[in-house]
PDB file of all heavy atoms in Angstrom:
ATOM      1  N   VAL A   1       0.879  -1.194   0.017  1.00  0.00           N
ATOM      2  CA  VAL A   1       0.002   0.006  -0.031  1.00  0.00           C
ATOM      3  C   VAL A   1       0.840   1.223   0.024  1.00  0.00           C
ATOM      4  O   VAL A   1       1.853   1.332   0.720  1.00  0.00           O
ATOM      5  CB  VAL A   1      -0.917   0.003   1.252  1.00  0.00           C
ATOM      6  CG1 VAL A   1      -1.678   1.281   1.340  1.00  0.00           C
ATOM      7  CG2 VAL A   1      -1.883  -1.173   1.218  1.00  0.00           C
ATOM      8  N   LEU A   2       0.422   2.231  -0.777  1.00  0.00           N
ATOM      9  CA  LEU A   2       1.122   3.521  -0.804  1.00  0.00           C
ATOM     10  C   LEU A   2       0.086   4.579  -0.306  1.00  0.00           C
ATOM     11  O   LEU A   2      -1.041   4.624  -0.943  1.00  0.00           O
ATOM     12  CB  LEU A   2       1.649   3.850  -2.190  1.00  0.00           C
ATOM     13  CG  LEU A   2       2.258   5.268  -2.323  1.00  0.00           C
ATOM     14  CD1 LEU A   2       3.480   5.379  -1.431  1.00  0.00           C
ATOM     15  CD2 LEU A   2       2.692   5.512  -3.802  1.00  0.00           C
ATOM     16  N   ILE A   3       0.472   5.375   0.696  1.00  0.00           N
ATOM     17  CA  ILE A   3      -0.465   6.450   1.098  1.00  0.00           C
ATOM     18  C   ILE A   3       0.140   7.762   0.624  1.00  0.00           C
ATOM     19  O   ILE A   3       1.344   8.022   0.947  1.00  0.00           O
ATOM     20  CB  ILE A   3      -0.553   6.488   2.681  1.00  0.00           C
ATOM     21  CG1 ILE A   3      -1.164   5.100   3.145  1.00  0.00           C
ATOM     22  CG2 ILE A   3      -1.357   7.645   3.169  1.00  0.00           C
ATOM     23  CD1 ILE A   3      -0.984   4.965   4.701  1.00  0.00           C
ATOM     24  N   VAL A   4      -0.640   8.576  -0.045  1.00  0.00           N
ATOM     25  CA  VAL A   4      -0.090   9.815  -0.641  1.00  0.00           C
ATOM     26  C   VAL A   4      -0.886  10.964  -0.145  1.00  0.00           C
ATOM     27  O   VAL A   4      -2.110  11.085  -0.292  1.00  0.00           O
ATOM     28  CB  VAL A   4      -0.218   9.770  -2.214  1.00  0.00           C
ATOM     29  CG1 VAL A   4       0.455  11.035  -2.797  1.00  0.00           C
ATOM     30  CG2 VAL A   4       0.339   8.542  -2.802  1.00  0.00           C
ATOM     31  N   ASP A   5      -0.219  11.862   0.609  1.00  0.00           N
ATOM     32  CA  ASP A   5      -0.824  13.042   1.142  1.00  0.00           C
ATOM     33  C   ASP A   5       0.254  13.967   1.534  1.00  0.00           C
ATOM     34  O   ASP A   5       1.315  13.564   2.022  1.00  0.00           O
ATOM     35  CB  ASP A   5      -1.757  12.694   2.408  1.00  0.00           C
ATOM     36  CG  ASP A   5      -2.700  13.767   2.812  1.00  0.00           C
ATOM     37  OD1 ASP A   5      -2.308  14.905   3.009  1.00  0.00           O
ATOM     38  OD2 ASP A   5      -3.934  13.441   2.861  1.00  0.00           O
ATOM     39  N   ASP A   6       0.058  15.270   1.360  1.00  0.00           N
ATOM     40  CA  ASP A   6       1.008  16.253   1.693  1.00  0.00           C
ATOM     41  C   ASP A   6       1.082  16.569   3.204  1.00  0.00           C
ATOM     42  O   ASP A   6       1.978  17.256   3.669  1.00  0.00           O
ATOM     43  CB  ASP A   6       0.918  17.502   0.936  1.00  0.00           C
ATOM     44  CG  ASP A   6      -0.433  18.226   1.063  1.00  0.00           C
ATOM     45  OD1 ASP A   6      -1.378  17.591   1.513  1.00  0.00           O
ATOM     46  OD2 ASP A   6      -0.533  19.427   0.732  1.00  0.00           O
ATOM     47  N   ASN A   7       0.119  16.034   3.946  1.00  0.00           N
ATOM     48  CA  ASN A   7       0.151  16.231   5.397  1.00  0.00           C
ATOM     49  C   ASN A   7       0.661  15.019   6.156  1.00  0.00           C
ATOM     50  O   ASN A   7       0.111  13.981   6.132  1.00  0.00           O
ATOM     51  CB  ASN A   7      -1.389  16.527   5.764  1.00  0.00           C
ATOM     52  CG  ASN A   7      -1.534  16.867   7.235  1.00  0.00           C
ATOM     53  OD1 ASN A   7      -1.150  16.073   8.123  1.00  0.00           O
ATOM     54  ND2 ASN A   7      -2.234  17.917   7.504  1.00  0.00           N
ATOM     55  N   ASP A   8       1.752  15.254   6.856  1.00  0.00           N
ATOM     56  CA  ASP A   8       2.416  14.117   7.569  1.00  0.00           C
ATOM     57  C   ASP A   8       1.499  13.461   8.632  1.00  0.00           C
ATOM     58  O   ASP A   8       1.468  12.292   8.678  1.00  0.00           O
ATOM     59  CB  ASP A   8       3.660  14.725   8.300  1.00  0.00           C
ATOM     60  CG  ASP A   8       4.768  15.224   7.418  1.00  0.00           C
ATOM     61  OD1 ASP A   8       4.743  14.975   6.207  1.00  0.00           O
ATOM     62  OD2 ASP A   8       5.667  15.890   7.959  1.00  0.00           O
ATOM     63  N   PHE A   9       0.782  14.287   9.323  1.00  0.00           N
ATOM     64  CA  PHE A   9      -0.067  13.832  10.412  1.00  0.00           C
ATOM     65  C   PHE A   9      -1.075  12.903   9.776  1.00  0.00           C
ATOM     66  O   PHE A   9      -1.474  11.769  10.318  1.00  0.00           O
ATOM     67  CB  PHE A   9      -0.799  14.891  11.147  1.00  0.00           C
ATOM     68  CG  PHE A   9      -1.754  14.451  12.158  1.00  0.00           C
ATOM     69  CD1 PHE A   9      -1.385  13.882  13.350  1.00  0.00           C
ATOM     70  CD2 PHE A   9      -3.138  14.579  11.876  1.00  0.00           C
ATOM     71  CE1 PHE A   9      -2.263  13.419  14.291  1.00  0.00           C
ATOM     72  CE2 PHE A   9      -4.076  14.085  12.812  1.00  0.00           C
ATOM     73  CZ  PHE A   9      -3.650  13.519  13.999  1.00  0.00           C
ATOM     74  N   LEU A  10      -1.736  13.341   8.624  1.00  0.00           N
ATOM     75  CA  LEU A  10      -2.831  12.468   8.031  1.00  0.00           C
ATOM     76  C   LEU A  10      -2.249  11.224   7.469  1.00  0.00           C
ATOM     77  O   LEU A  10      -2.891  10.113   7.570  1.00  0.00           O
ATOM     78  CB  LEU A  10      -3.525  13.276   6.962  1.00  0.00           C
ATOM     79  CG  LEU A  10      -4.406  14.423   7.412  1.00  0.00           C
ATOM     80  CD1 LEU A  10      -4.933  15.299   6.333  1.00  0.00           C
ATOM     81  CD2 LEU A  10      -5.514  13.967   8.274  1.00  0.00           C
ATOM     82  N   ARG A  11      -1.033  11.279   6.849  1.00  0.00           N
ATOM     83  CA  ARG A  11      -0.416  10.018   6.384  1.00  0.00           C
ATOM     84  C   ARG A  11      -0.177   9.033   7.479  1.00  0.00           C
ATOM     85  O   ARG A  11      -0.528   7.913   7.432  1.00  0.00           O
ATOM     86  CB  ARG A  11       0.892  10.282   5.642  1.00  0.00           C
ATOM     87  CG  ARG A  11       0.785  10.841   4.267  1.00  0.00           C
ATOM     88  CD  ARG A  11       2.063  10.798   3.511  1.00  0.00           C
ATOM     89  NE  ARG A  11       3.281  11.094   4.229  1.00  0.00           N
ATOM     90  CZ  ARG A  11       3.747  12.318   4.454  1.00  0.00           C
ATOM     91  NH1 ARG A  11       3.183  13.384   3.954  1.00  0.00           N
ATOM     92  NH2 ARG A  11       4.878  12.499   5.110  1.00  0.00           N
ATOM     93  N   ASP A  12       0.364   9.532   8.579  1.00  0.00           N
ATOM     94  CA  ASP A  12       0.661   8.662   9.768  1.00  0.00           C
ATOM     95  C   ASP A  12      -0.608   8.100  10.435  1.00  0.00           C
ATOM     96  O   ASP A  12      -0.709   6.984  10.793  1.00  0.00           O
ATOM     97  CB  ASP A  12       1.488   9.432  10.786  1.00  0.00           C
ATOM     98  CG  ASP A  12       2.888   9.735  10.330  1.00  0.00           C
ATOM     99  OD1 ASP A  12       3.381   9.073   9.352  1.00  0.00           O
ATOM    100  OD2 ASP A  12       3.586  10.618  10.913  1.00  0.00           O
ATOM    101  N   SER A  13      -1.676   8.975  10.506  1.00  0.00           N
ATOM    102  CA  SER A  13      -2.936   8.546  11.015  1.00  0.00           C
ATOM    103  C   SER A  13      -3.571   7.448  10.132  1.00  0.00           C
ATOM    104  O   SER A  13      -4.095   6.477  10.602  1.00  0.00           O
ATOM    105  CB  SER A  13      -3.902   9.755  11.178  1.00  0.00           C
ATOM    106  OG  SER A  13      -3.403  10.674  12.004  1.00  0.00           O
ATOM    107  N   PHE A  14      -3.512   7.647   8.860  1.00  0.00           N
ATOM    108  CA  PHE A  14      -4.020   6.691   7.924  1.00  0.00           C
ATOM    109  C   PHE A  14      -3.272   5.343   8.046  1.00  0.00           C
ATOM    110  O   PHE A  14      -3.857   4.198   8.069  1.00  0.00           O
ATOM    111  CB  PHE A  14      -3.978   7.224   6.478  1.00  0.00           C
ATOM    112  CG  PHE A  14      -4.787   6.458   5.486  1.00  0.00           C
ATOM    113  CD1 PHE A  14      -4.830   6.960   4.178  1.00  0.00           C
ATOM    114  CD2 PHE A  14      -5.450   5.307   5.778  1.00  0.00           C
ATOM    115  CE1 PHE A  14      -5.528   6.284   3.182  1.00  0.00           C
ATOM    116  CE2 PHE A  14      -6.117   4.629   4.747  1.00  0.00           C
ATOM    117  CZ  PHE A  14      -6.223   5.110   3.566  1.00  0.00           C
ATOM    118  N   GLN A  15      -2.021   5.417   8.182  1.00  0.00           N
ATOM    119  CA  GLN A  15      -1.112   4.187   8.292  1.00  0.00           C
ATOM    120  C   GLN A  15      -1.552   3.503   9.583  1.00  0.00           C
ATOM    121  O   GLN A  15      -1.658   2.254   9.574  1.00  0.00           O
ATOM    122  CB  GLN A  15       0.364   4.531   8.313  1.00  0.00           C
ATOM    123  CG  GLN A  15       1.159   3.322   8.484  1.00  0.00           C
ATOM    124  CD  GLN A  15       2.640   3.510   8.102  1.00  0.00           C
ATOM    125  OE1 GLN A  15       2.993   4.434   7.417  1.00  0.00           O
ATOM    126  NE2 GLN A  15       3.446   2.554   8.491  1.00  0.00           N
ATOM    127  N   SER A  16      -1.766   4.200  10.662  1.00  0.00           N
ATOM    128  CA  SER A  16      -2.189   3.576  11.914  1.00  0.00           C
ATOM    129  C   SER A  16      -3.545   2.876  11.819  1.00  0.00           C
ATOM    130  O   SER A  16      -3.672   1.804  12.346  1.00  0.00           O
ATOM    131  CB  SER A  16      -2.225   4.644  13.093  1.00  0.00           C
ATOM    132  OG  SER A  16      -1.026   5.125  13.341  1.00  0.00           O
ATOM    133  N   LEU A  17      -4.369   3.511  11.054  1.00  0.00           N
ATOM    134  CA  LEU A  17      -5.773   2.909  10.849  1.00  0.00           C
ATOM    135  C   LEU A  17      -5.564   1.614  10.101  1.00  0.00           C
ATOM    136  O   LEU A  17      -6.228   0.560  10.451  1.00  0.00           O
ATOM    137  CB  LEU A  17      -6.568   3.993  10.012  1.00  0.00           C
ATOM    138  CG  LEU A  17      -8.011   3.926  10.126  1.00  0.00           C
ATOM    139  CD1 LEU A  17      -8.498   4.016  11.626  1.00  0.00           C
ATOM    140  CD2 LEU A  17      -8.646   5.057   9.287  1.00  0.00           C
ATOM    141  N   LEU A  18      -4.808   1.625   9.075  1.00  0.00           N
ATOM    142  CA  LEU A  18      -4.590   0.386   8.215  1.00  0.00           C
ATOM    143  C   LEU A  18      -3.979  -0.662   9.106  1.00  0.00           C
ATOM    144  O   LEU A  18      -4.346  -1.829   9.034  1.00  0.00           O
ATOM    145  CB  LEU A  18      -3.709   0.630   7.061  1.00  0.00           C
ATOM    146  CG  LEU A  18      -4.254   1.411   5.887  1.00  0.00           C
ATOM    147  CD1 LEU A  18      -3.248   1.690   4.813  1.00  0.00           C
ATOM    148  CD2 LEU A  18      -5.435   0.711   5.271  1.00  0.00           C
ATOM    149  N   GLU A  19      -3.009  -0.327   9.970  1.00  0.00           N
ATOM    150  CA  GLU A  19      -2.338  -1.287  10.746  1.00  0.00           C
ATOM    151  C   GLU A  19      -3.278  -1.952  11.830  1.00  0.00           C
ATOM    152  O   GLU A  19      -2.972  -3.054  12.377  1.00  0.00           O
ATOM    153  CB  GLU A  19      -1.066  -0.678  11.453  1.00  0.00           C
ATOM    154  CG  GLU A  19       0.012  -0.404  10.412  1.00  0.00           C
ATOM    155  CD  GLU A  19       1.114   0.530  10.966  1.00  0.00           C
ATOM    156  OE1 GLU A  19       0.977   1.075  12.081  1.00  0.00           O
ATOM    157  OE2 GLU A  19       2.184   0.575  10.312  1.00  0.00           O
ATOM    158  N   ARG A  20      -4.352  -1.282  12.127  1.00  0.00           N
ATOM    159  CA  ARG A  20      -5.340  -1.786  13.100  1.00  0.00           C
ATOM    160  C   ARG A  20      -6.282  -2.820  12.472  1.00  0.00           C
ATOM    161  O   ARG A  20      -7.019  -3.533  13.141  1.00  0.00           O
ATOM    162  CB  ARG A  20      -6.105  -0.723  13.770  1.00  0.00           C
ATOM    163  CG  ARG A  20      -5.329  -0.031  14.842  1.00  0.00           C
ATOM    164  CD  ARG A  20      -6.217   0.912  15.585  1.00  0.00           C
ATOM    165  NE  ARG A  20      -6.601   1.971  14.679  1.00  0.00           N
ATOM    166  CZ  ARG A  20      -6.610   3.292  14.943  1.00  0.00           C
ATOM    167  NH1 ARG A  20      -6.391   3.614  16.192  1.00  0.00           N
ATOM    168  NH2 ARG A  20      -6.962   4.149  14.082  1.00  0.00           N
ATOM    169  N   LEU A  21      -6.224  -2.927  11.169  1.00  0.00           N
ATOM    170  CA  LEU A  21      -7.073  -3.926  10.415  1.00  0.00           C
ATOM    171  C   LEU A  21      -6.474  -5.297  10.625  1.00  0.00           C
ATOM    172  O   LEU A  21      -5.654  -5.721   9.771  1.00  0.00           O
ATOM    173  CB  LEU A  21      -7.257  -3.587   8.966  1.00  0.00           C
ATOM    174  CG  LEU A  21      -8.135  -2.317   8.688  1.00  0.00           C
ATOM    175  CD1 LEU A  21      -8.029  -1.971   7.268  1.00  0.00           C
ATOM    176  CD2 LEU A  21      -9.584  -2.578   9.056  1.00  0.00           C
ATOM    177  N   SER A  22      -6.865  -6.015  11.615  1.00  0.00           N
ATOM    178  CA  SER A  22      -6.189  -7.310  11.957  1.00  0.00           C
ATOM    179  C   SER A  22      -6.357  -8.397  10.902  1.00  0.00           C
ATOM    180  O   SER A  22      -5.657  -9.370  10.815  1.00  0.00           O
ATOM    181  CB  SER A  22      -6.640  -7.759  13.304  1.00  0.00           C
ATOM    182  OG  SER A  22      -8.060  -7.954  13.310  1.00  0.00           O
ATOM    183  N   ASN A  23      -7.454  -8.283  10.069  1.00  0.00           N
ATOM    184  CA  ASN A  23      -7.718  -9.292   9.074  1.00  0.00           C
ATOM    185  C   ASN A  23      -6.868  -9.065   7.785  1.00  0.00           C
ATOM    186  O   ASN A  23      -7.016  -9.878   6.829  1.00  0.00           O
ATOM    187  CB  ASN A  23      -9.119  -9.463   8.741  1.00  0.00           C
ATOM    188  CG  ASN A  23      -9.770  -8.229   8.358  1.00  0.00           C
ATOM    189  OD1 ASN A  23      -9.444  -7.159   8.832  1.00  0.00           O
ATOM    190  ND2 ASN A  23     -10.845  -8.316   7.536  1.00  0.00           N
ATOM    191  N   PHE A  24      -6.029  -8.059   7.742  1.00  0.00           N
ATOM    192  CA  PHE A  24      -5.217  -7.783   6.576  1.00  0.00           C
ATOM    193  C   PHE A  24      -3.731  -7.659   7.040  1.00  0.00           C
ATOM    194  O   PHE A  24      -3.510  -7.311   8.109  1.00  0.00           O
ATOM    195  CB  PHE A  24      -5.611  -6.413   5.895  1.00  0.00           C
ATOM    196  CG  PHE A  24      -6.890  -6.517   5.132  1.00  0.00           C
ATOM    197  CD1 PHE A  24      -8.125  -6.089   5.789  1.00  0.00           C
ATOM    198  CD2 PHE A  24      -6.952  -6.931   3.838  1.00  0.00           C
ATOM    199  CE1 PHE A  24      -9.292  -6.081   5.082  1.00  0.00           C
ATOM    200  CE2 PHE A  24      -8.114  -6.973   3.174  1.00  0.00           C
ATOM    201  CZ  PHE A  24      -9.334  -6.579   3.803  1.00  0.00           C
ATOM    202  N   ASN A  25      -2.916  -8.004   6.093  1.00  0.00           N
ATOM    203  CA  ASN A  25      -1.487  -7.851   6.288  1.00  0.00           C
ATOM    204  C   ASN A  25      -1.017  -6.859   5.215  1.00  0.00           C
ATOM    205  O   ASN A  25      -1.057  -7.176   4.088  1.00  0.00           O
ATOM    206  CB  ASN A  25      -0.747  -9.250   6.052  1.00  0.00           C
ATOM    207  CG  ASN A  25       0.699  -9.227   6.314  1.00  0.00           C
ATOM    208  OD1 ASN A  25       1.268  -8.193   6.766  1.00  0.00           O
ATOM    209  ND2 ASN A  25       1.327 -10.251   5.909  1.00  0.00           N
ATOM    210  N   PHE A  26      -0.530  -5.703   5.732  1.00  0.00           N
ATOM    211  CA  PHE A  26      -0.103  -4.591   4.884  1.00  0.00           C
ATOM    212  C   PHE A  26       1.432  -4.364   4.949  1.00  0.00           C
ATOM    213  O   PHE A  26       1.974  -4.487   6.058  1.00  0.00           O
ATOM    214  CB  PHE A  26      -0.818  -3.298   5.243  1.00  0.00           C
ATOM    215  CG  PHE A  26      -2.274  -3.322   4.960  1.00  0.00           C
ATOM    216  CD1 PHE A  26      -3.162  -3.221   6.036  1.00  0.00           C
ATOM    217  CD2 PHE A  26      -2.841  -3.345   3.655  1.00  0.00           C
ATOM    218  CE1 PHE A  26      -4.500  -3.228   5.825  1.00  0.00           C
ATOM    219  CE2 PHE A  26      -4.165  -3.339   3.415  1.00  0.00           C
ATOM    220  CZ  PHE A  26      -5.042  -3.236   4.561  1.00  0.00           C
ATOM    221  N   GLU A  27       1.937  -3.985   3.802  1.00  0.00           N
ATOM    222  CA  GLU A  27       3.295  -3.413   3.816  1.00  0.00           C
ATOM    223  C   GLU A  27       3.053  -1.970   3.315  1.00  0.00           C
ATOM    224  O   GLU A  27       2.591  -1.782   2.186  1.00  0.00           O
ATOM    225  CB  GLU A  27       4.192  -4.208   2.831  1.00  0.00           C
ATOM    226  CG  GLU A  27       5.564  -3.722   2.701  1.00  0.00           C
ATOM    227  CD  GLU A  27       6.361  -4.592   1.747  1.00  0.00           C
ATOM    228  OE1 GLU A  27       6.325  -5.816   1.821  1.00  0.00           O
ATOM    229  OE2 GLU A  27       6.880  -4.034   0.725  1.00  0.00           O
ATOM    230  N   ILE A  28       3.281  -1.040   4.176  1.00  0.00           N
ATOM    231  CA  ILE A  28       2.830   0.324   3.872  1.00  0.00           C
ATOM    232  C   ILE A  28       4.028   1.318   3.607  1.00  0.00           C
ATOM    233  O   ILE A  28       5.025   1.260   4.411  1.00  0.00           O
ATOM    234  CB  ILE A  28       1.985   0.891   5.017  1.00  0.00           C
ATOM    235  CG1 ILE A  28       0.775  -0.073   5.353  1.00  0.00           C
ATOM    236  CG2 ILE A  28       1.497   2.306   4.716  1.00  0.00           C
ATOM    237  CD1 ILE A  28       0.039   0.275   6.599  1.00  0.00           C
ATOM    238  N   ARG A  29       3.909   2.116   2.565  1.00  0.00           N
ATOM    239  CA  ARG A  29       4.908   3.128   2.302  1.00  0.00           C
ATOM    240  C   ARG A  29       4.149   4.491   2.127  1.00  0.00           C
ATOM    241  O   ARG A  29       2.882   4.478   2.042  1.00  0.00           O
ATOM    242  CB  ARG A  29       5.571   2.858   0.908  1.00  0.00           C
ATOM    243  CG  ARG A  29       6.262   1.448   0.779  1.00  0.00           C
ATOM    244  CD  ARG A  29       7.753   1.375   1.071  1.00  0.00           C
ATOM    245  NE  ARG A  29       8.558   2.424   0.530  1.00  0.00           N
ATOM    246  CZ  ARG A  29       9.198   2.384  -0.625  1.00  0.00           C
ATOM    247  NH1 ARG A  29       9.058   1.317  -1.381  1.00  0.00           N
ATOM    248  NH2 ARG A  29      10.016   3.339  -0.977  1.00  0.00           N
ATOM    249  N   GLN A  30       4.834   5.463   2.195  1.00  0.00           N
ATOM    250  CA  GLN A  30       4.230   6.867   2.201  1.00  0.00           C
ATOM    251  C   GLN A  30       4.943   7.769   1.196  1.00  0.00           C
ATOM    252  O   GLN A  30       6.089   7.644   1.001  1.00  0.00           O
ATOM    253  CB  GLN A  30       4.327   7.548   3.610  1.00  0.00           C
ATOM    254  CG  GLN A  30       3.471   6.865   4.645  1.00  0.00           C
ATOM    255  CD  GLN A  30       3.469   7.698   5.970  1.00  0.00           C
ATOM    256  OE1 GLN A  30       3.931   8.846   5.955  1.00  0.00           O
ATOM    257  NE2 GLN A  30       3.062   7.052   7.054  1.00  0.00           N
ATOM    258  N   ALA A  31       4.093   8.690   0.586  1.00  0.00           N
ATOM    259  CA  ALA A  31       4.579   9.661  -0.322  1.00  0.00           C
ATOM    260  C   ALA A  31       3.968  11.020   0.095  1.00  0.00           C
ATOM    261  O   ALA A  31       2.781  11.072   0.344  1.00  0.00           O
ATOM    262  CB  ALA A  31       4.340   9.384  -1.732  1.00  0.00           C
ATOM    263  N   ALA A  32       4.771  12.129   0.040  1.00  0.00           N
ATOM    264  CA  ALA A  32       4.274  13.380   0.429  1.00  0.00           C
ATOM    265  C   ALA A  32       3.805  14.308  -0.739  1.00  0.00           C
ATOM    266  O   ALA A  32       3.380  15.409  -0.542  1.00  0.00           O
ATOM    267  CB  ALA A  32       5.353  14.176   1.181  1.00  0.00           C
ATOM    268  N   SER A  33       3.868  13.730  -1.940  1.00  0.00           N
ATOM    269  CA  SER A  33       3.469  14.520  -3.111  1.00  0.00           C
ATOM    270  C   SER A  33       3.027  13.570  -4.277  1.00  0.00           C
ATOM    271  O   SER A  33       3.429  12.446  -4.255  1.00  0.00           O
ATOM    272  CB  SER A  33       4.551  15.436  -3.616  1.00  0.00           C
ATOM    273  OG  SER A  33       5.513  14.695  -4.224  1.00  0.00           O
ATOM    274  N   GLY A  34       2.255  14.196  -5.201  1.00  0.00           N
ATOM    275  CA  GLY A  34       1.854  13.385  -6.358  1.00  0.00           C
ATOM    276  C   GLY A  34       3.076  12.914  -7.167  1.00  0.00           C
ATOM    277  O   GLY A  34       3.080  11.799  -7.662  1.00  0.00           O
ATOM    278  N   GLU A  35       4.065  13.845  -7.316  1.00  0.00           N
ATOM    279  CA  GLU A  35       5.211  13.553  -8.055  1.00  0.00           C
ATOM    280  C   GLU A  35       6.021  12.363  -7.347  1.00  0.00           C
ATOM    281  O   GLU A  35       6.474  11.396  -8.048  1.00  0.00           O
ATOM    282  CB  GLU A  35       6.202  14.768  -8.128  1.00  0.00           C
ATOM    283  CG  GLU A  35       5.609  15.900  -8.957  1.00  0.00           C
ATOM    284  CD  GLU A  35       4.662  16.822  -8.213  1.00  0.00           C
ATOM    285  OE1 GLU A  35       4.287  16.503  -7.033  1.00  0.00           O
ATOM    286  OE2 GLU A  35       4.346  17.811  -8.822  1.00  0.00           O
ATOM    287  N   ALA A  36       6.069  12.410  -6.021  1.00  0.00           N
ATOM    288  CA  ALA A  36       6.786  11.331  -5.293  1.00  0.00           C
ATOM    289  C   ALA A  36       6.033   9.969  -5.508  1.00  0.00           C
ATOM    290  O   ALA A  36       6.705   8.970  -5.692  1.00  0.00           O
ATOM    291  CB  ALA A  36       6.968  11.635  -3.817  1.00  0.00           C
ATOM    292  N   ALA A  37       4.722  10.104  -5.514  1.00  0.00           N
ATOM    293  CA  ALA A  37       3.916   8.894  -5.691  1.00  0.00           C
ATOM    294  C   ALA A  37       4.141   8.240  -7.068  1.00  0.00           C
ATOM    295  O   ALA A  37       4.304   7.008  -7.201  1.00  0.00           O
ATOM    296  CB  ALA A  37       2.431   9.175  -5.514  1.00  0.00           C
ATOM    297  N   VAL A  38       4.224   9.061  -8.084  1.00  0.00           N
ATOM    298  CA  VAL A  38       4.507   8.594  -9.459  1.00  0.00           C
ATOM    299  C   VAL A  38       5.842   7.869  -9.536  1.00  0.00           C
ATOM    300  O   VAL A  38       5.960   6.815 -10.034  1.00  0.00           O
ATOM    301  CB  VAL A  38       4.369   9.740 -10.506  1.00  0.00           C
ATOM    302  CG1 VAL A  38       4.774   9.250 -11.896  1.00  0.00           C
ATOM    303  CG2 VAL A  38       2.946  10.262 -10.573  1.00  0.00           C
ATOM    304  N   GLU A  39       6.804   8.525  -8.902  1.00  0.00           N
ATOM    305  CA  GLU A  39       8.192   7.950  -8.923  1.00  0.00           C
ATOM    306  C   GLU A  39       8.284   6.657  -8.140  1.00  0.00           C
ATOM    307  O   GLU A  39       8.880   5.634  -8.600  1.00  0.00           O
ATOM    308  CB  GLU A  39       9.181   8.951  -8.324  1.00  0.00           C
ATOM    309  CG  GLU A  39      10.588   8.658  -8.497  1.00  0.00           C
ATOM    310  CD  GLU A  39      10.990   8.377 -10.018  1.00  0.00           C
ATOM    311  OE1 GLU A  39      10.448   9.027 -10.908  1.00  0.00           O
ATOM    312  OE2 GLU A  39      11.926   7.453 -10.266  1.00  0.00           O
ATOM    313  N   MET A  40       7.541   6.554  -7.035  1.00  0.00           N
ATOM    314  CA  MET A  40       7.544   5.351  -6.229  1.00  0.00           C
ATOM    315  C   MET A  40       6.796   4.259  -6.981  1.00  0.00           C
ATOM    316  O   MET A  40       7.217   3.106  -6.963  1.00  0.00           O
ATOM    317  CB  MET A  40       6.903   5.602  -4.876  1.00  0.00           C
ATOM    318  CG  MET A  40       7.815   6.453  -3.965  1.00  0.00           C
ATOM    319  SD  MET A  40       7.018   6.840  -2.394  1.00  0.00           S
ATOM    320  CE  MET A  40       7.283   5.263  -1.515  1.00  0.00           C
ATOM    321  N   ALA A  41       5.702   4.592  -7.711  1.00  0.00           N
ATOM    322  CA  ALA A  41       4.955   3.604  -8.474  1.00  0.00           C
ATOM    323  C   ALA A  41       5.769   3.087  -9.625  1.00  0.00           C
ATOM    324  O   ALA A  41       5.644   1.925 -10.011  1.00  0.00           O
ATOM    325  CB  ALA A  41       3.614   4.200  -8.968  1.00  0.00           C
TER     326      ALA A  41
END
């Protein structure tokens, strides 16, 4: 999973929410911009 948002707090909060979904196993990365997301993809 890639979480893309320019707000650090929102990215971290979203990641914490995903990590609480016990029926899923996620490997989570983050990007702070659309450009960074494209490069990571």
